Structure formats: C-alpha cells, structure tokens
Protein backbone atom coordinates (compact mmCIF):
# COMPACT_ATOMS: atom_id res chain seq x y z
CA MET A 1 43.83 -33.28 13.53
CA PRO A 2 45.68 -34.58 16.78
CA GLN A 3 44.34 -37.27 18.04
CA ALA A 4 43.83 -37.31 22.39
CA THR A 5 46.25 -39.62 24.43
CA GLN A 6 45.11 -43.02 24.52
CA SER A 7 45.01 -44.91 27.70
CA SER A 8 47.46 -48.36 27.70
CA GLN A 9 44.84 -50.00 29.84
CA SER A 10 42.23 -52.60 28.62
CA PRO A 11 38.70 -52.14 29.01
CA GLN A 12 38.60 -55.17 31.15
CA GLU A 13 41.68 -53.36 33.46
CA ARG A 14 40.51 -50.03 33.70
CA GLU A 15 38.92 -49.34 37.10
CA PRO A 16 35.02 -47.91 36.83
CA MET A 17 34.68 -44.54 37.81
CA PRO A 18 33.09 -44.11 41.35
CA VAL A 19 29.44 -43.05 41.39
CA LEU A 20 27.70 -42.24 44.70
CA GLU A 21 26.44 -45.55 46.21
CA GLN A 22 22.08 -45.67 45.98
CA PRO A 23 20.76 -45.27 49.36
CA PRO A 24 17.80 -47.53 50.79
CA GLU A 25 14.45 -46.57 49.25
CA ASN A 26 13.01 -46.55 53.10
CA LEU A 27 16.18 -43.88 53.60
CA THR A 28 14.22 -40.59 53.58
CA VAL A 29 13.79 -36.98 54.90
CA THR A 30 11.03 -34.55 55.26
CA LEU A 31 11.73 -31.00 53.53
CA PRO A 32 9.94 -28.19 54.77
CA PRO A 33 7.32 -26.06 53.29
CA ARG A 34 8.82 -23.59 50.61
CA SER A 35 7.28 -21.23 48.56
CA ALA A 36 7.98 -20.65 44.69
CA ARG A 37 7.50 -18.00 41.77
CA HIS A 38 4.45 -18.15 39.66
CA GLY A 39 4.94 -17.72 36.13
CA GLY A 40 1.42 -17.46 35.04
CA ARG A 41 -1.29 -19.39 33.43
CA THR A 42 -1.96 -20.53 29.81
CA ASP A 43 -4.26 -22.29 27.75
CA VAL A 44 -1.89 -25.19 26.92
CA LEU A 45 1.21 -26.24 28.79
CA VAL A 46 3.71 -28.43 26.69
CA VAL A 47 6.32 -30.31 29.09
CA GLY A 48 9.26 -31.60 27.07
CA GLY A 49 10.52 -29.74 23.76
CA GLY A 50 11.67 -33.13 21.86
CA PRO A 51 9.80 -34.04 18.86
CA ALA A 52 6.54 -35.05 20.72
CA GLY A 53 6.48 -31.14 22.36
CA ILE A 54 7.51 -29.46 19.05
CA GLY A 55 4.48 -31.46 17.62
CA ALA A 56 2.27 -30.33 20.28
CA ALA A 57 3.54 -26.75 20.89
CA LEU A 58 2.94 -25.68 17.34
CA ALA A 59 -0.25 -27.65 16.66
CA ALA A 60 -2.52 -26.17 19.63
CA ALA A 61 -0.71 -23.04 18.74
CA ASP A 62 -2.09 -23.32 15.27
CA ALA A 63 -5.52 -24.32 16.54
CA GLY A 64 -5.75 -20.70 18.58
CA ALA A 65 -4.32 -21.89 21.82
CA ASP A 66 -1.89 -19.54 24.20
CA VAL A 67 1.01 -22.02 24.67
CA VAL A 68 3.95 -22.24 26.61
CA LEU A 69 6.62 -24.85 26.47
CA VAL A 70 8.92 -25.86 28.97
CA GLU A 71 12.18 -27.63 28.40
CA ARG A 72 14.98 -28.51 30.62
CA TYR A 73 18.29 -28.21 28.31
CA GLY A 74 18.92 -24.82 26.65
CA PHE A 75 17.44 -25.99 23.33
CA LEU A 76 14.70 -27.89 21.69
CA GLY A 77 15.02 -31.24 19.90
CA GLY A 78 14.97 -33.55 22.27
CA ASN A 79 16.83 -36.71 21.48
CA ALA A 80 17.25 -35.44 18.23
CA THR A 81 19.91 -32.82 19.43
CA VAL A 82 20.47 -33.78 22.99
CA ALA A 83 21.02 -37.45 22.41
CA LEU A 84 22.00 -37.21 18.69
CA VAL A 85 19.98 -39.85 17.55
CA MET A 86 20.45 -39.56 13.80
CA PRO A 87 18.74 -40.22 11.45
CA LEU A 88 15.19 -39.75 11.48
CA MET A 89 13.79 -43.10 10.68
CA SER A 90 11.34 -43.96 8.22
CA PHE A 91 7.73 -42.91 8.39
CA HIS A 92 7.03 -44.30 4.83
CA ASN A 93 5.47 -47.83 4.52
CA GLU A 94 7.07 -50.19 2.24
CA HIS A 95 5.81 -51.05 -1.11
CA LYS A 96 5.05 -54.32 -1.73
CA HIS A 97 7.59 -54.42 -4.58
CA ILE A 98 10.34 -52.81 -3.29
CA ALA A 99 12.68 -55.72 -2.95
CA ASP A 100 12.75 -55.57 -6.93
CA ALA A 101 12.88 -51.77 -7.22
CA ARG A 102 15.80 -50.68 -4.73
CA PRO A 103 19.16 -50.05 -5.92
CA ASP A 104 22.39 -51.47 -4.60
CA ARG A 105 23.14 -49.56 -1.52
CA THR A 106 25.74 -51.67 0.15
CA VAL A 107 28.05 -48.80 0.95
CA ARG A 108 25.50 -45.70 1.32
CA LEU A 109 25.28 -46.19 4.86
CA LEU A 110 21.58 -45.28 5.34
CA PRO A 111 18.77 -48.09 6.03
CA PRO A 112 17.52 -50.03 2.93
CA ASP A 113 14.64 -51.34 5.02
CA HIS A 114 11.77 -49.08 3.62
CA GLY A 115 11.04 -46.98 0.46
CA GLU A 116 8.75 -46.57 -2.29
CA GLY A 117 5.73 -46.59 0.00
CA GLU A 118 3.46 -43.52 1.02
CA PRO A 119 4.62 -41.38 4.40
CA VAL A 120 2.26 -42.03 6.89
CA VAL A 121 2.99 -39.11 8.71
CA ALA A 122 2.81 -35.18 7.88
CA GLY A 123 1.60 -32.15 9.16
CA VAL A 124 3.94 -30.29 11.71
CA LEU A 125 7.21 -33.33 10.53
CA TRP A 126 6.61 -31.82 6.80
CA ARG A 127 6.66 -28.18 7.72
CA LEU A 128 9.85 -29.01 10.09
CA LEU A 129 11.50 -30.95 7.06
CA ASP A 130 10.78 -28.27 4.70
CA ARG A 131 12.32 -25.37 6.45
CA LEU A 132 15.07 -28.10 7.45
CA ALA A 133 16.05 -28.78 3.68
CA GLU A 134 15.69 -25.03 3.02
CA ARG A 135 18.57 -24.23 5.11
CA GLY A 136 20.97 -27.06 4.13
CA GLY A 137 19.93 -29.18 7.65
CA CYS A 138 18.68 -32.56 5.80
CA ILE A 139 18.54 -34.90 3.10
CA PRO A 140 14.75 -35.10 2.51
CA PRO A 141 13.25 -38.80 2.38
CA SER A 142 14.06 -40.82 -0.79
CA LEU A 143 14.97 -44.05 -2.30
CA ASP A 144 18.82 -43.28 -1.90
CA THR A 145 18.20 -42.39 1.84
CA GLY A 146 15.92 -45.37 2.52
CA TYR A 147 13.14 -42.87 3.11
CA THR A 148 15.42 -41.65 6.43
CA VAL A 149 15.91 -38.27 7.26
CA PRO A 150 19.90 -37.64 7.58
CA PHE A 151 19.78 -34.06 9.57
CA ASP A 152 22.25 -31.44 11.20
CA PRO A 153 21.20 -31.06 14.72
CA GLU A 154 22.63 -27.81 15.06
CA ILE A 155 20.67 -26.33 12.27
CA LEU A 156 17.66 -27.90 13.50
CA LYS A 157 17.99 -26.35 16.90
CA LEU A 158 17.95 -23.33 14.90
CA VAL A 159 15.11 -24.05 12.73
CA LEU A 160 12.81 -24.95 15.60
CA LEU A 161 13.41 -21.38 17.53
CA ASP A 162 12.43 -19.72 14.34
CA LEU A 163 8.68 -22.38 14.06
CA MET A 164 8.23 -21.36 17.82
CA ASP A 165 8.76 -17.67 17.45
CA GLU A 166 6.66 -17.56 14.19
CA ALA A 167 3.71 -19.55 16.10
CA GLY A 168 4.09 -17.46 18.83
CA VAL A 169 4.85 -20.29 21.46
CA ARG A 170 6.13 -18.78 24.54
CA MET A 171 9.20 -21.14 26.04
CA LEU A 172 11.23 -21.35 28.93
CA PHE A 173 14.55 -23.51 29.01
CA HIS A 174 16.80 -25.08 31.88
CA ALA A 175 13.40 -25.86 33.90
CA PHE A 176 12.96 -29.54 34.96
CA ALA A 177 9.36 -30.85 35.67
CA SER A 178 9.27 -32.19 39.67
CA THR A 179 5.48 -32.37 40.51
CA ALA A 180 2.25 -31.65 39.40
CA LEU A 181 -0.64 -30.30 41.52
CA PRO A 182 -4.50 -30.52 40.54
CA LEU A 183 -6.61 -27.34 40.10
CA GLY A 184 -10.31 -27.15 39.62
CA ASP A 185 -9.73 -26.54 36.29
CA GLY A 186 -6.59 -27.55 35.33
CA HIS A 187 -3.20 -28.30 36.50
CA ARG A 188 -0.24 -26.61 38.45
CA VAL A 189 3.17 -27.92 37.63
CA VAL A 190 6.10 -27.57 39.63
CA PHE A 191 9.24 -26.88 37.78
CA GLU A 192 13.06 -26.68 39.01
CA SER A 193 15.37 -23.96 37.84
CA LYS A 194 18.41 -22.26 38.77
CA SER A 195 16.19 -19.54 39.93
CA GLY A 196 14.40 -22.32 42.24
CA PRO A 197 10.68 -23.70 42.26
CA VAL A 198 8.79 -21.95 39.51
CA VAL A 199 5.07 -23.04 39.16
CA ILE A 200 2.86 -22.85 35.91
CA ASP A 201 -1.02 -23.03 35.77
CA ALA A 202 -2.65 -24.48 32.63
CA GLY A 203 -6.04 -25.71 31.52
CA VAL A 204 -4.71 -28.79 30.12
CA VAL A 205 -1.11 -30.36 30.25
CA VAL A 206 0.65 -32.13 27.53
CA ASP A 207 3.62 -34.56 29.05
CA CYS A 208 5.86 -34.96 26.56
CA THR A 209 8.59 -35.81 28.56
CA GLY A 210 9.13 -38.75 27.30
CA ASP A 211 9.13 -40.71 30.75
CA GLY A 212 5.70 -39.72 31.52
CA ASP A 213 7.30 -37.75 34.15
CA VAL A 214 4.10 -34.90 35.00
CA ALA A 215 1.42 -38.32 34.22
CA ALA A 216 3.09 -39.94 37.20
CA ALA A 217 3.20 -37.07 39.35
CA CYS A 218 -0.68 -37.17 38.64
CA GLY A 219 -1.23 -40.08 39.64
CA ALA A 220 -1.59 -41.75 36.69
CA PRO A 221 -0.85 -45.60 36.27
CA TYR A 222 2.02 -46.73 33.95
CA GLU A 223 3.74 -49.97 33.14
CA ILE A 224 7.70 -50.60 32.65
CA GLY A 225 9.50 -53.03 30.66
CA ARG A 226 8.32 -56.33 29.21
CA PRO A 227 5.93 -58.03 31.37
CA GLU A 228 8.16 -60.98 32.20
CA ASP A 229 10.94 -59.23 34.31
CA GLY A 230 10.47 -55.54 33.67
CA LEU A 231 13.22 -54.98 31.60
CA VAL A 232 13.18 -52.13 28.91
CA GLN A 233 15.54 -51.71 26.09
CA PRO A 234 19.27 -50.71 26.39
CA MET A 235 20.55 -46.95 26.14
CA THR A 236 22.77 -45.70 23.46
CA LEU A 237 25.27 -42.84 23.87
CA MET A 238 25.51 -41.51 20.24
CA PHE A 239 28.49 -40.10 18.65
CA ARG A 240 29.62 -38.38 15.39
CA VAL A 241 33.06 -39.37 14.03
CA ALA A 242 34.56 -36.78 11.38
CA ASP A 243 37.15 -37.74 8.67
CA PHE A 244 35.41 -41.14 7.56
CA LEU A 245 36.84 -42.11 4.18
CA GLN A 246 33.97 -43.88 2.66
CA PRO A 247 35.86 -45.04 -0.52
CA ARG A 248 38.20 -47.22 1.52
CA PHE A 249 35.34 -48.51 3.56
CA ALA A 250 33.56 -49.56 0.39
CA ALA A 251 36.32 -51.39 -1.17
CA TYR A 252 36.75 -53.50 2.12
CA VAL A 253 32.67 -54.24 1.87
CA ARG A 254 33.00 -54.84 -1.61
CA ALA A 255 35.44 -57.18 -0.69
CA HIS A 256 33.87 -58.73 2.12
CA PRO A 257 30.01 -58.30 0.86
CA ASP A 258 28.94 -61.04 3.85
CA GLN A 259 30.28 -58.44 6.34
CA TRP A 260 27.86 -55.79 5.83
CA ARG A 261 24.10 -55.06 5.25
CA GLY A 262 23.01 -51.39 4.66
CA VAL A 263 24.24 -49.78 7.99
CA HIS A 264 25.52 -52.36 10.03
CA GLY A 265 27.94 -55.56 10.42
CA LEU A 266 31.68 -56.05 10.86
CA TRP A 267 30.61 -59.02 12.81
CA ASP A 268 34.41 -60.53 11.97
CA LEU A 269 36.00 -57.74 13.20
CA VAL A 270 34.08 -56.86 16.13
CA ARG A 271 34.66 -60.74 17.01
CA GLU A 272 38.40 -60.14 16.48
CA ALA A 273 38.76 -57.21 19.04
CA ALA A 274 36.47 -58.52 21.70
CA THR A 275 39.00 -61.63 21.74
CA ALA A 276 42.08 -59.47 21.88
CA GLY A 277 40.13 -57.63 24.59
CA GLU A 278 39.97 -54.57 22.91
CA LEU A 279 36.20 -54.42 22.69
CA ASP A 280 33.90 -55.35 25.92
CA LEU A 281 29.95 -54.49 24.55
CA PRO A 282 27.18 -56.48 24.83
CA ARG A 283 26.48 -56.46 21.03
CA GLU A 284 27.86 -58.22 18.23
CA ASP A 285 28.11 -55.96 15.48
CA VAL A 286 28.41 -52.06 14.50
CA LEU A 287 25.67 -49.54 13.70
CA PHE A 288 26.67 -46.32 11.62
CA PHE A 289 24.64 -44.02 9.32
CA ALA A 290 25.67 -41.12 6.75
CA THR A 291 24.83 -37.56 7.79
CA PRO A 292 24.30 -34.85 5.37
CA HIS A 293 27.96 -33.85 5.45
CA ALA A 294 30.28 -35.61 3.78
CA ARG A 295 33.42 -37.71 5.39
CA GLU A 296 30.77 -37.89 8.74
CA LEU A 297 29.05 -40.73 10.09
CA SER A 298 26.71 -41.02 13.05
CA VAL A 299 27.49 -44.28 15.28
CA ASN A 300 25.01 -45.98 17.40
CA CYS A 301 26.88 -48.59 18.87
CA THR A 302 27.04 -47.84 22.58
CA ARG A 303 24.46 -50.50 24.52
CA VAL A 304 23.89 -50.10 28.53
CA THR A 305 21.73 -52.92 29.59
CA GLY A 306 19.83 -52.95 32.83
CA ALA A 307 19.60 -49.38 33.40
CA LEU A 308 16.51 -47.33 34.08
CA GLY A 309 15.51 -44.05 32.47
CA THR A 310 13.75 -42.85 35.50
CA ASP A 311 16.33 -43.72 38.29
CA VAL A 312 19.01 -41.37 38.29
CA TRP A 313 21.54 -43.65 39.67
CA ASP A 314 21.04 -45.95 36.85
CA LEU A 315 21.04 -42.89 34.56
CA THR A 316 24.60 -42.07 36.21
CA ARG A 317 26.33 -45.86 35.91
CA ALA A 318 24.81 -45.60 32.40
CA GLU A 319 26.64 -42.49 31.38
CA VAL A 320 30.03 -43.59 32.70
CA VAL A 321 29.61 -47.02 31.17
CA ALA A 322 28.52 -45.87 27.80
CA ARG A 323 31.45 -43.06 27.53
CA ARG A 324 33.92 -45.97 28.11
CA GLN A 325 32.31 -47.72 25.56
CA LEU A 326 32.50 -44.98 23.20
CA GLU A 327 36.36 -44.92 23.87
CA GLN A 328 36.35 -48.71 22.99
CA ILE A 329 34.62 -48.23 19.39
CA ASP A 330 36.19 -44.88 18.58
CA ARG A 331 39.66 -47.08 18.63
CA PHE A 332 38.25 -50.29 17.41
CA LEU A 333 37.19 -48.14 14.54
CA ARG A 334 40.49 -46.75 13.66
CA ARG A 335 42.93 -49.34 14.25
CA ARG A 336 40.98 -52.40 12.37
CA VAL A 337 38.03 -50.76 10.29
CA PRO A 338 39.32 -49.68 6.78
CA GLY A 339 38.30 -45.98 6.15
CA PHE A 340 38.52 -44.82 9.63
CA GLU A 341 42.21 -44.93 10.10
CA GLU A 342 42.12 -40.92 10.01
CA SER A 343 39.13 -40.71 11.90
CA TYR A 344 37.87 -38.99 14.98
CA ALA A 345 34.73 -38.34 17.68
CA VAL A 346 33.99 -34.74 17.15
CA GLN A 347 30.58 -34.52 18.95
CA SER A 348 28.64 -36.93 21.57
CA GLY A 349 25.39 -36.64 23.10
CA THR A 350 24.52 -34.51 26.27
CA HIS A 351 22.68 -36.72 27.47
CA ILE A 352 22.55 -40.68 26.69
CA GLY A 353 19.81 -42.18 24.52
CA VAL A 354 16.86 -43.80 26.52
CA ARG A 355 14.34 -46.00 24.41
CA GLU A 356 11.65 -46.67 27.37
CA THR A 357 10.83 -45.58 30.33
CA ARG A 358 7.25 -45.33 31.96
CA ARG A 359 4.34 -46.45 29.21
CA VAL A 360 1.49 -44.67 30.54
CA MET A 361 -2.04 -46.74 30.85
CA GLY A 362 -4.68 -44.72 29.26
CA ASP A 363 -8.31 -45.26 27.63
CA TYR A 364 -6.73 -47.90 25.60
CA ARG A 365 -3.38 -49.86 24.92
CA LEU A 366 -1.66 -50.34 21.53
CA THR A 367 -0.49 -54.09 21.32
CA ARG A 368 1.80 -55.85 18.68
CA ASP A 369 -1.48 -57.35 16.80
CA ASP A 370 -2.66 -53.50 16.35
CA ILE A 371 0.95 -53.03 14.68
CA LEU A 372 1.21 -56.33 12.69
CA GLU A 373 -2.29 -56.43 11.60
CA ALA A 374 -2.39 -53.07 10.74
CA ARG A 375 -6.10 -52.98 12.49
CA PRO A 376 -8.08 -49.40 11.94
CA HIS A 377 -9.36 -47.35 15.13
CA PRO A 378 -12.65 -45.50 14.75
CA ASP A 379 -10.26 -42.44 16.71
CA VAL A 380 -7.27 -42.63 14.68
CA ILE A 381 -5.00 -39.41 15.46
CA ALA A 382 -1.51 -40.53 14.14
CA HIS A 383 -0.36 -43.35 11.94
CA GLY A 384 2.52 -45.50 12.08
CA ALA A 385 4.14 -48.09 9.51
CA TYR A 386 7.93 -48.21 11.51
CA PRO A 387 8.73 -51.89 12.30
CA ILE A 388 8.60 -53.82 16.01
CA ASP A 389 12.29 -52.85 16.87
CA ILE A 390 13.37 -54.20 20.18
CA HIS A 391 16.71 -54.35 21.04
CA ASN A 392 17.68 -56.94 23.70
CA PRO A 393 17.00 -55.76 26.86
CA ARG A 394 19.47 -58.26 28.07
CA GLY A 395 22.25 -57.75 25.46
CA THR A 396 22.90 -59.07 21.77
CA GLY A 397 20.34 -59.39 19.53
CA THR A 398 17.53 -57.32 18.05
CA VAL A 399 14.37 -58.14 17.02
CA LEU A 400 12.47 -56.75 14.24
CA ASP A 401 8.83 -57.20 12.53
CA ARG A 402 7.60 -55.28 9.87
CA VAL A 403 4.08 -53.68 9.24
CA PRO A 404 2.79 -55.57 6.14
CA PRO A 405 3.84 -54.02 3.08
CA GLY A 406 1.81 -50.96 1.66
CA ARG A 407 0.30 -50.80 5.09
CA PHE A 408 0.29 -48.85 8.05
CA TYR A 409 -1.25 -48.85 12.15
CA ASP A 410 -3.25 -46.16 13.44
CA ILE A 411 -3.08 -45.16 16.73
CA PRO A 412 -6.10 -44.14 18.76
CA LEU A 413 -6.81 -40.69 20.64
CA ARG A 414 -7.52 -43.06 23.47
CA CYS A 415 -3.75 -44.01 23.90
CA LEU A 416 -3.19 -40.45 24.84
CA LEU A 417 -5.47 -39.92 27.52
CA PRO A 418 -4.23 -41.17 30.66
CA ARG A 419 -6.38 -43.28 33.14
CA ASP A 420 -7.53 -41.66 36.84
CA THR A 421 -6.79 -37.93 35.20
CA GLU A 422 -8.23 -35.26 33.54
CA ARG A 423 -7.17 -32.58 31.75
CA LEU A 424 -4.13 -34.26 31.25
CA LEU A 425 -2.59 -35.73 27.76
CA VAL A 426 0.42 -38.07 27.17
CA ALA A 427 2.15 -37.83 23.64
CA GLY A 428 5.48 -39.17 22.10
CA ARG A 429 7.17 -42.58 23.56
CA CYS A 430 5.28 -42.85 27.15
CA ILE A 431 1.74 -43.34 25.66
CA SER A 432 -0.51 -45.99 26.26
CA GLY A 433 1.06 -49.31 25.00
CA SER A 434 2.45 -53.09 25.10
CA HIS A 435 6.17 -53.09 25.42
CA VAL A 436 6.25 -54.75 22.11
CA ALA A 437 4.34 -52.23 20.39
CA HIS A 438 6.18 -49.27 22.08
CA SER A 439 9.34 -50.56 20.17
CA SER A 440 7.50 -49.28 16.78
CA TYR A 441 5.60 -45.68 17.98
CA ARG A 442 8.77 -44.72 19.96
CA VAL A 443 10.47 -43.34 17.07
CA MET A 444 10.95 -39.47 16.51
CA PRO A 445 8.29 -39.31 13.74
CA ILE A 446 5.37 -41.20 15.18
CA ALA A 447 6.02 -39.08 18.33
CA MET A 448 5.92 -35.80 16.57
CA ALA A 449 2.78 -37.07 14.98
CA THR A 450 0.80 -38.11 18.39
CA GLY A 451 2.43 -34.69 19.81
CA GLN A 452 0.74 -32.86 17.06
CA ALA A 453 -2.75 -34.86 17.90
CA ALA A 454 -2.57 -34.37 21.67
CA GLY A 455 -1.88 -30.38 21.21
CA VAL A 456 -4.78 -30.20 18.72
CA THR A 457 -6.84 -31.81 21.54
CA ALA A 458 -5.69 -30.07 24.31
CA ALA A 459 -6.16 -26.39 22.51
CA LEU A 460 -9.73 -27.73 21.36
CA ALA A 461 -10.69 -28.55 24.88
CA THR A 462 -9.98 -25.42 26.17
CA ARG A 463 -11.59 -23.10 23.55
CA LEU A 464 -14.83 -25.47 24.43
CA ARG A 465 -14.44 -25.79 27.80
CA ARG A 466 -14.44 -29.68 28.31
CA THR A 467 -11.99 -31.81 29.13
CA PRO A 468 -10.04 -33.79 26.31
CA ARG A 469 -11.95 -36.76 27.24
CA GLU A 470 -15.16 -35.46 26.52
CA LEU A 471 -14.31 -33.67 23.43
CA PRO A 472 -15.41 -35.59 20.14
CA TYR A 473 -12.76 -36.94 18.47
CA ALA A 474 -14.35 -36.09 15.34
CA LEU A 475 -13.46 -32.27 16.02
CA VAL A 476 -9.69 -32.96 16.82
CA GLN A 477 -9.31 -35.31 13.33
CA GLN A 478 -11.01 -32.27 11.41
CA GLU A 479 -8.40 -29.90 12.64
CA LEU A 480 -5.64 -32.16 12.26
CA LEU A 481 -6.53 -32.80 8.68
CA ARG A 482 -6.87 -28.91 8.35
CA GLN A 483 -3.44 -28.94 9.90
CA GLY A 484 -2.02 -31.36 7.01
CA ALA A 485 -1.70 -34.23 9.09
CA ARG A 486 -2.14 -37.28 7.67
CA LEU A 487 -5.18 -39.22 8.25
CA SER A 488 -7.12 -42.37 6.86
CA ILE A 489 -10.68 -42.22 8.58
CA GLY A 490 -12.78 -45.17 8.15
CA GLY A 491 -10.54 -46.89 6.01
CA ASP A 492 -10.77 -44.16 2.78
CA ASP A 493 -7.97 -42.03 1.97
CA ASP A 494 -6.86 -40.88 -1.29
CA GLU A 495 -3.20 -40.89 -0.43
CA GLY A 496 -2.41 -43.84 1.75
CA VAL A 497 -3.49 -47.65 1.86
CA ARG A 498 -5.37 -49.09 4.14
CA GLU A 499 -6.08 -52.82 2.26
C-alpha cells in the first residue's frame, strides 16, 4: 500500500496545532430558558453504551424491565470500539503454579500474566464472547492468549446490536447526557442532540458514562486522581497496524531476548530513537498486542499526561498530542523495528482512551487492601482478579501488583450506590473506590460485571417499587446467579477459590 508523505520536521521542530484557549472559570454567561422534546418514560435508563452499559441494559431487560440505552456515538462498545482498546484483559485468577505450566510465549504478542486459573466474571460477558466467537470476531481466552480476548471491533459492533435487539432494549444514538433533574419517582435526564435537547424520564438511572456524568449532575460527591496531587492516569490513543511480518520480528526477539517481554519492550531501540530526536514520548518502551487477524497488531504506545477526561480543553489538547505521538510511533516502527518495514497504521481510535476521571463516592469505597487481600463482602455483586495496574500519571513507568494466585476480590453493591442520591446507580470505572483500587476494576470485563449487577438492581427496584438502596442485596445476588453471573457468596463457590 502506498505510504503517505512524511513531514521532514522532527517532533521537536513541529509547531503545535493551535487549540481554543481555555477561558477563566469565572467567565460565564446565563442562557435563556429552553424547551426540550420528551422522549418518554422507561423503567431503567442506561446512559452510556460501553462495556458497563452493555451489561446493565441486557441484565435489566433479562430481569423484566423496560430499558432505554442512550449512547453518544453511533454504535455500541465504548472504549472497545470507540477507542480501540484491545484486547479484553484477563478476567481469570492466576493459577498458583502457572509459572511452571506456561509455555514460551516470547513472540506470541499476548500477555503472559494470567492463565490456567478460573474465570471470575461470566454472565453477560460470556454470552457476548460466545456470540463473538460464532461470528469469528474473537479468539476465546486460553493459555495461548494469556486469558485475554483479542477481538474484532467491527464484528463486536454488529453482535452488540443483535443482542440489544433480541433483548428488546430501545436505543438512542448520537445523544450526549448534559444534566439530570430529580423527579419524585425517579430522574429526568437531559440529552443534547442534533434534534435539540431531548429528555427521558426513568424510575432508575444507571450511569455508565465512565466519567460519572449523570451522578455528578445529580449532586453525588466524587473524587478525582490520586490523593497527593489529584493527578489521574495518562490517556492513550490506540491504533491498529497492518502488514506486520511476525517472523522477522520473532527473529529479532530471539537474537535480543532481553529486549522483549511478552507484549512490550524494545527499550534500546526506543532510547536510540529518542536520542536521535525521532521520538518524544513519556514512556520507555513500546506495547502492542496480537489481534484475531494475521499481520495485524493493536498498538498501545501513546501516552498523554496531565490531562483530565472531563475537561473539554484537556481532551482537545490530549487528542492533538496523542495523534502527533502516533505519527512518531508509526514511523519509528517502520524505520527501526524488524517486521514493521512494510507496516502502516490502518485505523486509530475515534476518541482517545481515557483511563481515569471521576470516582463517584458510594456507600463503600473499595481499597487497595480489598483487592490485594482478596477481602470478601456480604453484598458482593461482582468479582475481579486483574492486577493493580497504574500507568504513571507523571510519565514513564507502570506499577503492577497482582492479586494473590488462585484468589479474587469482591465488589460490593454498596460501591454502585452513590451517596446523597436515590434511584441512581453507577457502573464501570466510575464506581466508588480509591485511585489504586480503580486501576484494577477499570478494565472492561469487570466493568461489564458491575454493569450487569447495576442493571439487575435497577430492574428489581422498579419491579418491587423500592429504591436500589432499600433493596435486599440477597435478591440481587439471586437474580445475578439466575443470569449466569459468577458469584461466590459467603465464601462458598463450587467453581471458584476463595481461600
């Protein structure tokens, strides 16, 4: 394929793209009153069609509720399809003796971090993966994939439409939640659209925006960033590379075994390129993953620090900076890395991948110790086993602390119940937890599990005419088990290991 003409300027020489200057916070104007089209009322309104929203909408419908799902883009999938965050990370705990059982995966380009343990998430996630596999849209998790799930984002978009259609979920695309108003028996959420403002009323709202947008609009308290300085994890613009020649790369790795670890490395080449002025990145290595397609990779290398995903000016700057970084990385791979001589970037994320924004404060705040000590909770509604995984908010380096082998941690229902509000749940990465705990539960399989739990809770609350906070958690657990969720209650689980 012909290559695009490359700029002769180095990263340091190129002038930054101008962006709109951020105004002072006190420079505001009052808008006139306006009317909005009424989109009707539903039992359960799910805001956001990413992994958490998918879990919430399908679970609420399965539990018998009338469900409306509103998504700001023209398709479902959230970070999986909008930001091309691939693969789905492992949702299995780690076998105690996996180091002895694991085959050599030096050049398989899939993580060697997990495997041979038990899946700790099932339910909606497994239904989705089964359908994806039937369509040739993913490689099921196994020891060979490091128990991650490489998938095709285009097939995923289609499968998600099928699942929503079969479940009877009504959808509205291209609508962005801007505010929410309390009703006596629920909430009214205002969406901005090409048709003007649209309002939808609901008995219970499930905030699956990732950023806690609806919860914040309802007055729920929240935290942002780490406690010492408020900084959040960096953002990453993902992209896919085609015409990658794995045999050439494998030969290089075999000749330089200290330069590659499963899915990341090339430290010397990155250092040489940075010294030559070819790379200007706040990271010390490159990271990429295999996909279901031969000669294709998913590249996770851009890194933008000091930007907050709930600030439109920060987002604008991050998108510009990340796209310039992408250009550098694409050129670096072709020039310096064997196997990439004929490669090219075939697709990049529609939206930069955002790891961390608001963490809505709930009735319980999940902590680092909850995760690393695998603490049980009586109102458990989901499990996690993914490591604590913190990309340095200031630049290079990543902290990785694993859940003990053979174990998993509980996420209690209380983490989904925002303080100071009723008839509202949160799911996904914006649930209640510390900065450190968030780095584990933010990944997509766990987000889908918390979404399923929130959807079940919302549906039962509307059916029984109670608020989610009034609902006995045992009823939620019972319905989750009926829907095939993986749940260890009271330390007993025929398939999992609590210890």
